[in-house]
Amino acid sequence: MGIENRVQKLVDVLNKLPDVETFSSCGGHENPEEYQAPSDKFFVRFTVKKTRKGWRSLELLVWAIHNTDFERLTLEVYNPESTKRGMAFEIYGCESVDPQ
């Protein structure tokens, strides 16, 4: 399954940041499965390499989210037991915030 249109631009931007790599995303679904977001929400999950450039990218993301819509858009650590990716993060949007 490809990247959903609703989050495509955000995924593209994240993957252009130095030492950032996305690995999972969901644009929201009317009848979501357990691993999917509901229709009024979305998420993009990504890793950041432990480099100076990677941490600068993460700082930029924190600043951008805080100055955009920090009540409906969050950046959180994402580390379920099932991931072997090391430190991962998730951008999560709710209440129909636009990821574009």
PDB file of N, CA and C in Angstrom:
ATOM      1  N   MET A   1       0.847  -1.185   0.000  1.00  0.00           N
ATOM      2  CA  MET A   1       0.000   0.000   0.000  1.00  0.00           C
ATOM      3  C   MET A   1       0.884   1.238   0.000  1.00  0.00           C
ATOM      4  N   GLY A   2       0.525   2.230  -0.803  1.00  0.00           N
ATOM      5  CA  GLY A   2       1.307   3.448  -0.919  1.00  0.00           C
ATOM      6  C   GLY A   2       0.955   4.460   0.155  1.00  0.00           C
ATOM      7  N   ILE A   3       1.606   5.596   0.059  1.00  0.00           N
ATOM      8  CA  ILE A   3       1.361   6.692   0.999  1.00  0.00           C
ATOM      9  C   ILE A   3       0.069   7.394   0.597  1.00  0.00           C
ATOM     10  N   GLU A   4      -0.799   7.641   1.557  1.00  0.00           N
ATOM     11  CA  GLU A   4      -2.082   8.270   1.281  1.00  0.00           C
ATOM     12  C   GLU A   4      -1.892   9.746   0.940  1.00  0.00           C
ATOM     13  N   ASN A   5      -2.730  10.239   0.039  1.00  0.00           N
ATOM     14  CA  ASN A   5      -2.619  11.620  -0.449  1.00  0.00           C
ATOM     15  C   ASN A   5      -2.608  12.646   0.684  1.00  0.00           C
ATOM     16  N   ARG A   6      -3.407  12.426   1.701  1.00  0.00           N
ATOM     17  CA  ARG A   6      -3.531  13.414   2.783  1.00  0.00           C
ATOM     18  C   ARG A   6      -2.192  13.688   3.480  1.00  0.00           C
ATOM     19  N   VAL A   7      -1.325  12.691   3.576  1.00  0.00           N
ATOM     20  CA  VAL A   7      -0.052  12.863   4.289  1.00  0.00           C
ATOM     21  C   VAL A   7       1.163  12.841   3.357  1.00  0.00           C
ATOM     22  N   GLN A   8       0.959  12.701   2.066  1.00  0.00           N
ATOM     23  CA  GLN A   8       2.069  12.585   1.112  1.00  0.00           C
ATOM     24  C   GLN A   8       3.046  13.758   1.215  1.00  0.00           C
ATOM     25  N   LYS A   9       2.544  14.978   1.222  1.00  0.00           N
ATOM     26  CA  LYS A   9       3.422  16.156   1.257  1.00  0.00           C
ATOM     27  C   LYS A   9       4.242  16.189   2.551  1.00  0.00           C
ATOM     28  N   LEU A  10       3.616  15.867   3.684  1.00  0.00           N
ATOM     29  CA  LEU A  10       4.330  15.846   4.962  1.00  0.00           C
ATOM     30  C   LEU A  10       5.417  14.770   4.942  1.00  0.00           C
ATOM     31  N   VAL A  11       5.118  13.592   4.429  1.00  0.00           N
ATOM     32  CA  VAL A  11       6.107  12.519   4.316  1.00  0.00           C
ATOM     33  C   VAL A  11       7.275  12.976   3.445  1.00  0.00           C
ATOM     34  N   ASP A  12       6.971  13.611   2.320  1.00  0.00           N
ATOM     35  CA  ASP A  12       8.023  14.090   1.414  1.00  0.00           C
ATOM     36  C   ASP A  12       8.930  15.112   2.101  1.00  0.00           C
ATOM     37  N   VAL A  13       8.322  16.058   2.825  1.00  0.00           N
ATOM     38  CA  VAL A  13       9.104  17.085   3.525  1.00  0.00           C
ATOM     39  C   VAL A  13       9.985  16.452   4.598  1.00  0.00           C
ATOM     40  N   LEU A  14       9.431  15.547   5.384  1.00  0.00           N
ATOM     41  CA  LEU A  14      10.214  14.898   6.430  1.00  0.00           C
ATOM     42  C   LEU A  14      11.402  14.136   5.845  1.00  0.00           C
ATOM     43  N   ASN A  15      11.175  13.432   4.757  1.00  0.00           N
ATOM     44  CA  ASN A  15      12.247  12.647   4.150  1.00  0.00           C
ATOM     45  C   ASN A  15      13.331  13.512   3.510  1.00  0.00           C
ATOM     46  N   LYS A  16      13.062  14.788   3.300  1.00  0.00           N
ATOM     47  CA  LYS A  16      14.080  15.709   2.772  1.00  0.00           C
ATOM     48  C   LYS A  16      14.949  16.300   3.879  1.00  0.00           C
ATOM     49  N   LEU A  17      14.497  16.194   5.130  1.00  0.00           N
ATOM     50  CA  LEU A  17      15.295  16.707   6.243  1.00  0.00           C
ATOM     51  C   LEU A  17      16.517  15.819   6.456  1.00  0.00           C
ATOM     52  N   PRO A  18      17.655  16.421   6.797  1.00  0.00           N
ATOM     53  CA  PRO A  18      18.857  15.625   7.022  1.00  0.00           C
ATOM     54  C   PRO A  18      18.671  14.587   8.126  1.00  0.00           C
ATOM     55  N   ASP A  19      19.034  13.352   7.830  1.00  0.00           N
ATOM     56  CA  ASP A  19      19.062  12.246   8.783  1.00  0.00           C
ATOM     57  C   ASP A  19      17.701  11.915   9.403  1.00  0.00           C
ATOM     58  N   VAL A  20      16.626  12.181   8.653  1.00  0.00           N
ATOM     59  CA  VAL A  20      15.261  11.813   9.049  1.00  0.00           C
ATOM     60  C   VAL A  20      14.737  10.827   8.009  1.00  0.00           C
ATOM     61  N   GLU A  21      14.078   9.766   8.467  1.00  0.00           N
ATOM     62  CA  GLU A  21      13.507   8.775   7.560  1.00  0.00           C
ATOM     63  C   GLU A  21      12.146   8.321   8.081  1.00  0.00           C
ATOM     64  N   THR A  22      11.114   8.486   7.274  1.00  0.00           N
ATOM     65  CA  THR A  22       9.777   8.032   7.666  1.00  0.00           C
ATOM     66  C   THR A  22       9.681   6.521   7.471  1.00  0.00           C
ATOM     67  N   PHE A  23       8.819   5.882   8.285  1.00  0.00           N
ATOM     68  CA  PHE A  23       8.619   4.440   8.125  1.00  0.00           C
ATOM     69  C   PHE A  23       7.164   4.019   8.224  1.00  0.00           C
ATOM     70  N   SER A  24       6.259   4.923   8.597  1.00  0.00           N
ATOM     71  CA  SER A  24       4.851   4.564   8.698  1.00  0.00           C
ATOM     72  C   SER A  24       4.016   5.840   8.663  1.00  0.00           C
ATOM     73  N   SER A  25       2.846   5.752   8.039  1.00  0.00           N
ATOM     74  CA  SER A  25       1.953   6.916   8.019  1.00  0.00           C
ATOM     75  C   SER A  25       0.526   6.461   7.778  1.00  0.00           C
ATOM     76  N   CYS A  26      -0.405   7.320   8.156  1.00  0.00           N
ATOM     77  CA  CYS A  26      -1.823   7.058   7.909  1.00  0.00           C
ATOM     78  C   CYS A  26      -2.543   8.395   7.794  1.00  0.00           C
ATOM     79  N   GLY A  27      -3.327   8.538   6.756  1.00  0.00           N
ATOM     80  CA  GLY A  27      -4.077   9.773   6.536  1.00  0.00           C
ATOM     81  C   GLY A  27      -5.461   9.776   7.145  1.00  0.00           C
ATOM     82  N   GLY A  28      -5.860   8.679   7.796  1.00  0.00           N
ATOM     83  CA  GLY A  28      -7.175   8.587   8.419  1.00  0.00           C
ATOM     84  C   GLY A  28      -8.151   7.775   7.579  1.00  0.00           C
ATOM     85  N   HIS A  29      -9.026   7.034   8.269  1.00  0.00           N
ATOM     86  CA  HIS A  29      -9.989   6.154   7.598  1.00  0.00           C
ATOM     87  C   HIS A  29     -11.339   6.215   8.303  1.00  0.00           C
ATOM     88  N   GLU A  30     -12.403   6.098   7.518  1.00  0.00           N
ATOM     89  CA  GLU A  30     -13.768   6.100   8.062  1.00  0.00           C
ATOM     90  C   GLU A  30     -13.987   4.939   9.033  1.00  0.00           C
ATOM     91  N   ASN A  31     -13.514   3.765   8.679  1.00  0.00           N
ATOM     92  CA  ASN A  31     -13.638   2.569   9.523  1.00  0.00           C
ATOM     93  C   ASN A  31     -12.244   1.995   9.748  1.00  0.00           C
ATOM     94  N   PRO A  32     -11.454   2.624  10.635  1.00  0.00           N
ATOM     95  CA  PRO A  32     -10.051   2.239  10.769  1.00  0.00           C
ATOM     96  C   PRO A  32      -9.840   0.871  11.410  1.00  0.00           C
ATOM     97  N   GLU A  33      -8.796   0.211  10.928  1.00  0.00           N
ATOM     98  CA  GLU A  33      -8.310  -0.998  11.585  1.00  0.00           C
ATOM     99  C   GLU A  33      -7.549  -0.545  12.830  1.00  0.00           C
ATOM    100  N   GLU A  34      -7.109  -1.499  13.647  1.00  0.00           N
ATOM    101  CA  GLU A  34      -6.417  -1.182  14.899  1.00  0.00           C
ATOM    102  C   GLU A  34      -5.170  -0.312  14.674  1.00  0.00           C
ATOM    103  N   TYR A  35      -4.483  -0.511  13.577  1.00  0.00           N
ATOM    104  CA  TYR A  35      -3.233   0.185  13.288  1.00  0.00           C
ATOM    105  C   TYR A  35      -3.425   1.473  12.480  1.00  0.00           C
ATOM    106  N   GLN A  36      -4.657   1.857  12.182  1.00  0.00           N
ATOM    107  CA  GLN A  36      -4.954   3.034  11.375  1.00  0.00           C
ATOM    108  C   GLN A  36      -5.545   4.153  12.229  1.00  0.00           C
ATOM    109  N   ALA A  37      -5.443   5.374  11.709  1.00  0.00           N
ATOM    110  CA  ALA A  37      -6.037   6.534  12.374  1.00  0.00           C
ATOM    111  C   ALA A  37      -7.482   6.712  11.908  1.00  0.00           C
ATOM    112  N   PRO A  38      -8.361   7.251  12.792  1.00  0.00           N
ATOM    113  CA  PRO A  38      -9.719   7.564  12.356  1.00  0.00           C
ATOM    114  C   PRO A  38      -9.703   8.714  11.341  1.00  0.00           C
ATOM    115  N   SER A  39     -10.807   8.942  10.686  1.00  0.00           N
ATOM    116  CA  SER A  39     -10.865   9.889   9.567  1.00  0.00           C
ATOM    117  C   SER A  39     -10.500  11.328   9.924  1.00  0.00           C
ATOM    118  N   ASP A  40     -10.691  11.739  11.175  1.00  0.00           N
ATOM    119  CA  ASP A  40     -10.366  13.122  11.538  1.00  0.00           C
ATOM    120  C   ASP A  40      -8.949  13.268  12.099  1.00  0.00           C
ATOM    121  N   LYS A  41      -8.131  12.225  11.936  1.00  0.00           N
ATOM    122  CA  LYS A  41      -6.769  12.237  12.475  1.00  0.00           C
ATOM    123  C   LYS A  41      -5.789  11.720  11.426  1.00  0.00           C
ATOM    124  N   PHE A  42      -4.504  11.929  11.679  1.00  0.00           N
ATOM    125  CA  PHE A  42      -3.457  11.368  10.838  1.00  0.00           C
ATOM    126  C   PHE A  42      -2.197  11.199  11.680  1.00  0.00           C
ATOM    127  N   PHE A  43      -1.266  10.403  11.176  1.00  0.00           N
ATOM    128  CA  PHE A  43       0.046  10.321  11.812  1.00  0.00           C
ATOM    129  C   PHE A  43       1.111  10.009  10.774  1.00  0.00           C
ATOM    130  N   VAL A  44       2.341  10.426  11.082  1.00  0.00           N
ATOM    131  CA  VAL A  44       3.520  10.047  10.318  1.00  0.00           C
ATOM    132  C   VAL A  44       4.589   9.688  11.336  1.00  0.00           C
ATOM    133  N   ARG A  45       5.180   8.511  11.187  1.00  0.00           N
ATOM    134  CA  ARG A  45       6.214   8.037  12.115  1.00  0.00           C
ATOM    135  C   ARG A  45       7.556   8.052  11.398  1.00  0.00           C
ATOM    136  N   PHE A  46       8.594   8.412  12.157  1.00  0.00           N
ATOM    137  CA  PHE A  46       9.907   8.558  11.538  1.00  0.00           C
ATOM    138  C   PHE A  46      11.020   8.350  12.555  1.00  0.00           C
ATOM    139  N   THR A  47      12.199   8.065  12.044  1.00  0.00           N
ATOM    140  CA  THR A  47      13.387   7.954  12.878  1.00  0.00           C
ATOM    141  C   THR A  47      14.302   9.138  12.606  1.00  0.00           C
ATOM    142  N   VAL A  48      15.137   9.427  13.573  1.00  0.00           N
ATOM    143  CA  VAL A  48      16.141  10.480  13.457  1.00  0.00           C
ATOM    144  C   VAL A  48      17.482   9.866  13.835  1.00  0.00           C
ATOM    145  N   LYS A  49      18.450   9.978  12.946  1.00  0.00           N
ATOM    146  CA  LYS A  49      19.784   9.469  13.261  1.00  0.00           C
ATOM    147  C   LYS A  49      20.398  10.314  14.370  1.00  0.00           C
ATOM    148  N   LYS A  50      21.222   9.680  15.174  1.00  0.00           N
ATOM    149  CA  LYS A  50      21.879  10.378  16.282  1.00  0.00           C
ATOM    150  C   LYS A  50      23.112  11.116  15.776  1.00  0.00           C
ATOM    151  N   THR A  51      22.846  12.114  14.950  1.00  0.00           N
ATOM    152  CA  THR A  51      23.899  12.966  14.402  1.00  0.00           C
ATOM    153  C   THR A  51      23.538  14.415  14.685  1.00  0.00           C
ATOM    154  N   ARG A  52      24.506  15.296  14.494  1.00  0.00           N
ATOM    155  CA  ARG A  52      24.229  16.728  14.676  1.00  0.00           C
ATOM    156  C   ARG A  52      23.119  17.183  13.729  1.00  0.00           C
ATOM    157  N   LYS A  53      23.169  16.743  12.472  1.00  0.00           N
ATOM    158  CA  LYS A  53      22.138  17.127  11.496  1.00  0.00           C
ATOM    159  C   LYS A  53      20.776  16.546  11.874  1.00  0.00           C
ATOM    160  N   GLY A  54      20.768  15.307  12.345  1.00  0.00           N
ATOM    161  CA  GLY A  54      19.512  14.684  12.745  1.00  0.00           C
ATOM    162  C   GLY A  54      18.845  15.425  13.888  1.00  0.00           C
ATOM    163  N   TRP A  55      19.623  15.769  14.907  1.00  0.00           N
ATOM    164  CA  TRP A  55      19.052  16.478  16.059  1.00  0.00           C
ATOM    165  C   TRP A  55      18.628  17.893  15.682  1.00  0.00           C
ATOM    166  N   ARG A  56      19.352  18.537  14.731  1.00  0.00           N
ATOM    167  CA  ARG A  56      18.912  19.860  14.254  1.00  0.00           C
ATOM    168  C   ARG A  56      17.574  19.736  13.535  1.00  0.00           C
ATOM    169  N   SER A  57      17.419  18.673  12.746  1.00  0.00           N
ATOM    170  CA  SER A  57      16.138  18.441  12.065  1.00  0.00           C
ATOM    171  C   SER A  57      15.016  18.279  13.080  1.00  0.00           C
ATOM    172  N   LEU A  58      15.280  17.522  14.140  1.00  0.00           N
ATOM    173  CA  LEU A  58      14.274  17.315  15.182  1.00  0.00           C
ATOM    174  C   LEU A  58      13.940  18.633  15.878  1.00  0.00           C
ATOM    175  N   GLU A  59      14.931  19.439  16.170  1.00  0.00           N
ATOM    176  CA  GLU A  59      14.686  20.758  16.773  1.00  0.00           C
ATOM    177  C   GLU A  59      13.817  21.624  15.867  1.00  0.00           C
ATOM    178  N   LEU A  60      14.086  21.587  14.572  1.00  0.00           N
ATOM    179  CA  LEU A  60      13.290  22.349  13.611  1.00  0.00           C
ATOM    180  C   LEU A  60      11.838  21.882  13.617  1.00  0.00           C
ATOM    181  N   LEU A  61      11.614  20.577  13.677  1.00  0.00           N
ATOM    182  CA  LEU A  61      10.254  20.038  13.718  1.00  0.00           C
ATOM    183  C   LEU A  61       9.518  20.464  14.983  1.00  0.00           C
ATOM    184  N   VAL A  62      10.195  20.413  16.118  1.00  0.00           N
ATOM    185  CA  VAL A  62       9.577  20.849  17.380  1.00  0.00           C
ATOM    186  C   VAL A  62       9.183  22.312  17.278  1.00  0.00           C
ATOM    187  N   TRP A  63      10.073  23.149  16.770  1.00  0.00           N
ATOM    188  CA  TRP A  63       9.786  24.578  16.623  1.00  0.00           C
ATOM    189  C   TRP A  63       8.598  24.793  15.677  1.00  0.00           C
ATOM    190  N   ALA A  64       8.612  24.106  14.526  1.00  0.00           N
ATOM    191  CA  ALA A  64       7.551  24.296  13.533  1.00  0.00           C
ATOM    192  C   ALA A  64       6.188  23.885  14.077  1.00  0.00           C
ATOM    193  N   ILE A  65       6.121  22.762  14.766  1.00  0.00           N
ATOM    194  CA  ILE A  65       4.844  22.308  15.318  1.00  0.00           C
ATOM    195  C   ILE A  65       4.363  23.258  16.408  1.00  0.00           C
ATOM    196  N   HIS A  66       5.264  23.684  17.269  1.00  0.00           N
ATOM    197  CA  HIS A  66       4.885  24.606  18.346  1.00  0.00           C
ATOM    198  C   HIS A  66       4.350  25.920  17.785  1.00  0.00           C
ATOM    199  N   ASN A  67       4.885  26.356  16.662  1.00  0.00           N
ATOM    200  CA  ASN A  67       4.478  27.635  16.068  1.00  0.00           C
ATOM    201  C   ASN A  67       3.396  27.497  15.011  1.00  0.00           C
ATOM    202  N   THR A  68       2.883  26.291  14.813  1.00  0.00           N
ATOM    203  CA  THR A  68       1.823  26.072  13.833  1.00  0.00           C
ATOM    204  C   THR A  68       0.479  25.895  14.523  1.00  0.00           C
ATOM    205  N   ASP A  69       0.294  24.803  15.202  1.00  0.00           N
ATOM    206  CA  ASP A  69      -0.979  24.501  15.853  1.00  0.00           C
ATOM    207  C   ASP A  69      -0.733  23.436  16.917  1.00  0.00           C
ATOM    208  N   PHE A  70      -0.034  23.807  17.977  1.00  0.00           N
ATOM    209  CA  PHE A  70       0.396  22.826  18.968  1.00  0.00           C
ATOM    210  C   PHE A  70      -0.746  22.212  19.772  1.00  0.00           C
ATOM    211  N   GLU A  71      -1.955  22.739  19.660  1.00  0.00           N
ATOM    212  CA  GLU A  71      -3.093  22.119  20.356  1.00  0.00           C
ATOM    213  C   GLU A  71      -3.671  20.945  19.575  1.00  0.00           C
ATOM    214  N   ARG A  72      -3.531  20.977  18.254  1.00  0.00           N
ATOM    215  CA  ARG A  72      -4.088  19.896  17.434  1.00  0.00           C
ATOM    216  C   ARG A  72      -3.023  19.100  16.686  1.00  0.00           C
ATOM    217  N   LEU A  73      -1.774  19.486  16.861  1.00  0.00           N
ATOM    218  CA  LEU A  73      -0.670  18.834  16.183  1.00  0.00           C
ATOM    219  C   LEU A  73       0.413  18.558  17.217  1.00  0.00           C
ATOM    220  N   THR A  74       0.843  17.299  17.340  1.00  0.00           N
ATOM    221  CA  THR A  74       1.837  16.965  18.357  1.00  0.00           C
ATOM    222  C   THR A  74       2.993  16.177  17.755  1.00  0.00           C
ATOM    223  N   LEU A  75       4.110  16.246  18.438  1.00  0.00           N
ATOM    224  CA  LEU A  75       5.282  15.442  18.121  1.00  0.00           C
ATOM    225  C   LEU A  75       5.618  14.667  19.380  1.00  0.00           C
ATOM    226  N   GLU A  76       5.598  13.347  19.270  1.00  0.00           N
ATOM    227  CA  GLU A  76       5.812  12.499  20.440  1.00  0.00           C
ATOM    228  C   GLU A  76       6.853  11.434  20.149  1.00  0.00           C
ATOM    229  N   VAL A  77       7.478  10.927  21.204  1.00  0.00           N
ATOM    230  CA  VAL A  77       8.350   9.771  21.070  1.00  0.00           C
ATOM    231  C   VAL A  77       7.462   8.569  20.760  1.00  0.00           C
ATOM    232  N   TYR A  78       7.878   7.753  19.821  1.00  0.00           N
ATOM    233  CA  TYR A  78       7.125   6.564  19.424  1.00  0.00           C
ATOM    234  C   TYR A  78       8.064   5.372  19.542  1.00  0.00           C
ATOM    235  N   ASN A  79       7.884   4.586  20.566  1.00  0.00           N
ATOM    236  CA  ASN A  79       8.751   3.437  20.777  1.00  0.00           C
ATOM    237  C   ASN A  79       7.980   2.215  21.254  1.00  0.00           C
ATOM    238  N   PRO A  80       7.126   1.665  20.416  1.00  0.00           N
ATOM    239  CA  PRO A  80       6.458   0.424  20.827  1.00  0.00           C
ATOM    240  C   PRO A  80       7.471  -0.708  20.905  1.00  0.00           C
ATOM    241  N   GLU A  81       7.161  -1.709  21.690  1.00  0.00           N
ATOM    242  CA  GLU A  81       8.066  -2.844  21.855  1.00  0.00           C
ATOM    243  C   GLU A  81       8.344  -3.553  20.531  1.00  0.00           C
ATOM    244  N   SER A  82       7.421  -3.440  19.590  1.00  0.00           N
ATOM    245  CA  SER A  82       7.565  -4.172  18.339  1.00  0.00           C
ATOM    246  C   SER A  82       8.565  -3.541  17.367  1.00  0.00           C
ATOM    247  N   THR A  83       9.005  -2.320  17.618  1.00  0.00           N
ATOM    248  CA  THR A  83       9.925  -1.674  16.677  1.00  0.00           C
ATOM    249  C   THR A  83      11.370  -1.973  17.049  1.00  0.00           C
ATOM    250  N   LYS A  84      12.172  -2.188  16.046  1.00  0.00           N
ATOM    251  CA  LYS A  84      13.603  -2.415  16.225  1.00  0.00           C
ATOM    252  C   LYS A  84      14.380  -1.217  15.690  1.00  0.00           C
ATOM    253  N   ARG A  85      13.711  -0.106  15.530  1.00  0.00           N
ATOM    254  CA  ARG A  85      14.298   1.055  14.885  1.00  0.00           C
ATOM    255  C   ARG A  85      15.057   1.975  15.828  1.00  0.00           C
ATOM    256  N   GLY A  86      15.082   1.671  17.096  1.00  0.00           N
ATOM    257  CA  GLY A  86      15.701   2.604  18.033  1.00  0.00           C
ATOM    258  C   GLY A  86      14.752   3.741  18.338  1.00  0.00           C
ATOM    259  N   MET A  87      15.277   4.937  18.500  1.00  0.00           N
ATOM    260  CA  MET A  87      14.450   6.090  18.848  1.00  0.00           C
ATOM    261  C   MET A  87      13.628   6.534  17.642  1.00  0.00           C
ATOM    262  N   ALA A  88      12.319   6.539  17.807  1.00  0.00           N
ATOM    263  CA  ALA A  88      11.414   6.940  16.738  1.00  0.00           C
ATOM    264  C   ALA A  88      10.433   7.977  17.275  1.00  0.00           C
ATOM    265  N   PHE A  89       9.837   8.712  16.364  1.00  0.00           N
ATOM    266  CA  PHE A  89       8.926   9.793  16.723  1.00  0.00           C
ATOM    267  C   PHE A  89       7.674   9.708  15.861  1.00  0.00           C
ATOM    268  N   GLU A  90       6.622  10.393  16.324  1.00  0.00           N
ATOM    269  CA  GLU A  90       5.363  10.413  15.594  1.00  0.00           C
ATOM    270  C   GLU A  90       4.816  11.836  15.592  1.00  0.00           C
ATOM    271  N   ILE A  91       4.469  12.329  14.412  1.00  0.00           N
ATOM    272  CA  ILE A  91       3.691  13.564  14.301  1.00  0.00           C
ATOM    273  C   ILE A  91       2.243  13.116  14.200  1.00  0.00           C
ATOM    274  N   TYR A  92       1.410  13.662  15.077  1.00  0.00           N
ATOM    275  CA  TYR A  92       0.017  13.236  15.181  1.00  0.00           C
ATOM    276  C   TYR A  92      -0.880  14.459  15.084  1.00  0.00           C
ATOM    277  N   GLY A  93      -1.844  14.416  14.198  1.00  0.00           N
ATOM    278  CA  GLY A  93      -2.781  15.521  14.037  1.00  0.00           C
ATOM    279  C   GLY A  93      -4.187  15.077  14.338  1.00  0.00           C
ATOM    280  N   CYS A  94      -4.978  15.959  14.946  1.00  0.00           N
ATOM    281  CA  CYS A  94      -6.359  15.629  15.265  1.00  0.00           C
ATOM    282  C   CYS A  94      -7.269  16.814  14.954  1.00  0.00           C
ATOM    283  N   GLU A  95      -8.563  16.557  15.060  1.00  0.00           N
ATOM    284  CA  GLU A  95      -9.597  17.565  14.812  1.00  0.00           C
ATOM    285  C   GLU A  95      -9.434  18.229  13.449  1.00  0.00           C
ATOM    286  N   SER A  96      -9.164  17.418  12.453  1.00  0.00           N
ATOM    287  CA  SER A  96      -9.094  17.850  11.050  1.00  0.00           C
ATOM    288  C   SER A  96      -8.003  18.867  10.758  1.00  0.00           C
ATOM    289  N   VAL A  97      -6.937  18.909  11.554  1.00  0.00           N
ATOM    290  CA  VAL A  97      -5.811  19.771  11.200  1.00  0.00           C
ATOM    291  C   VAL A  97      -5.235  19.262   9.883  1.00  0.00           C
ATOM    292  N   ASP A  98      -4.828  20.160   9.019  1.00  0.00           N
ATOM    293  CA  ASP A  98      -4.355  19.808   7.684  1.00  0.00           C
ATOM    294  C   ASP A  98      -2.847  19.532   7.709  1.00  0.00           C
ATOM    295  N   PRO A  99      -2.402  18.329   7.362  1.00  0.00           N
ATOM    296  CA  PRO A  99      -0.966  18.031   7.372  1.00  0.00           C
ATOM    297  C   PRO A  99      -0.209  18.676   6.215  1.00  0.00           C
ATOM    298  N   GLN A 100      -0.907  19.293   5.291  1.00  0.00           N
ATOM    299  CA  GLN A 100      -0.258  19.914   4.144  1.00  0.00           C
ATOM    300  C   GLN A 100       0.433  21.174   4.577  1.00  0.00           C
TER     301      GLN A 100
END
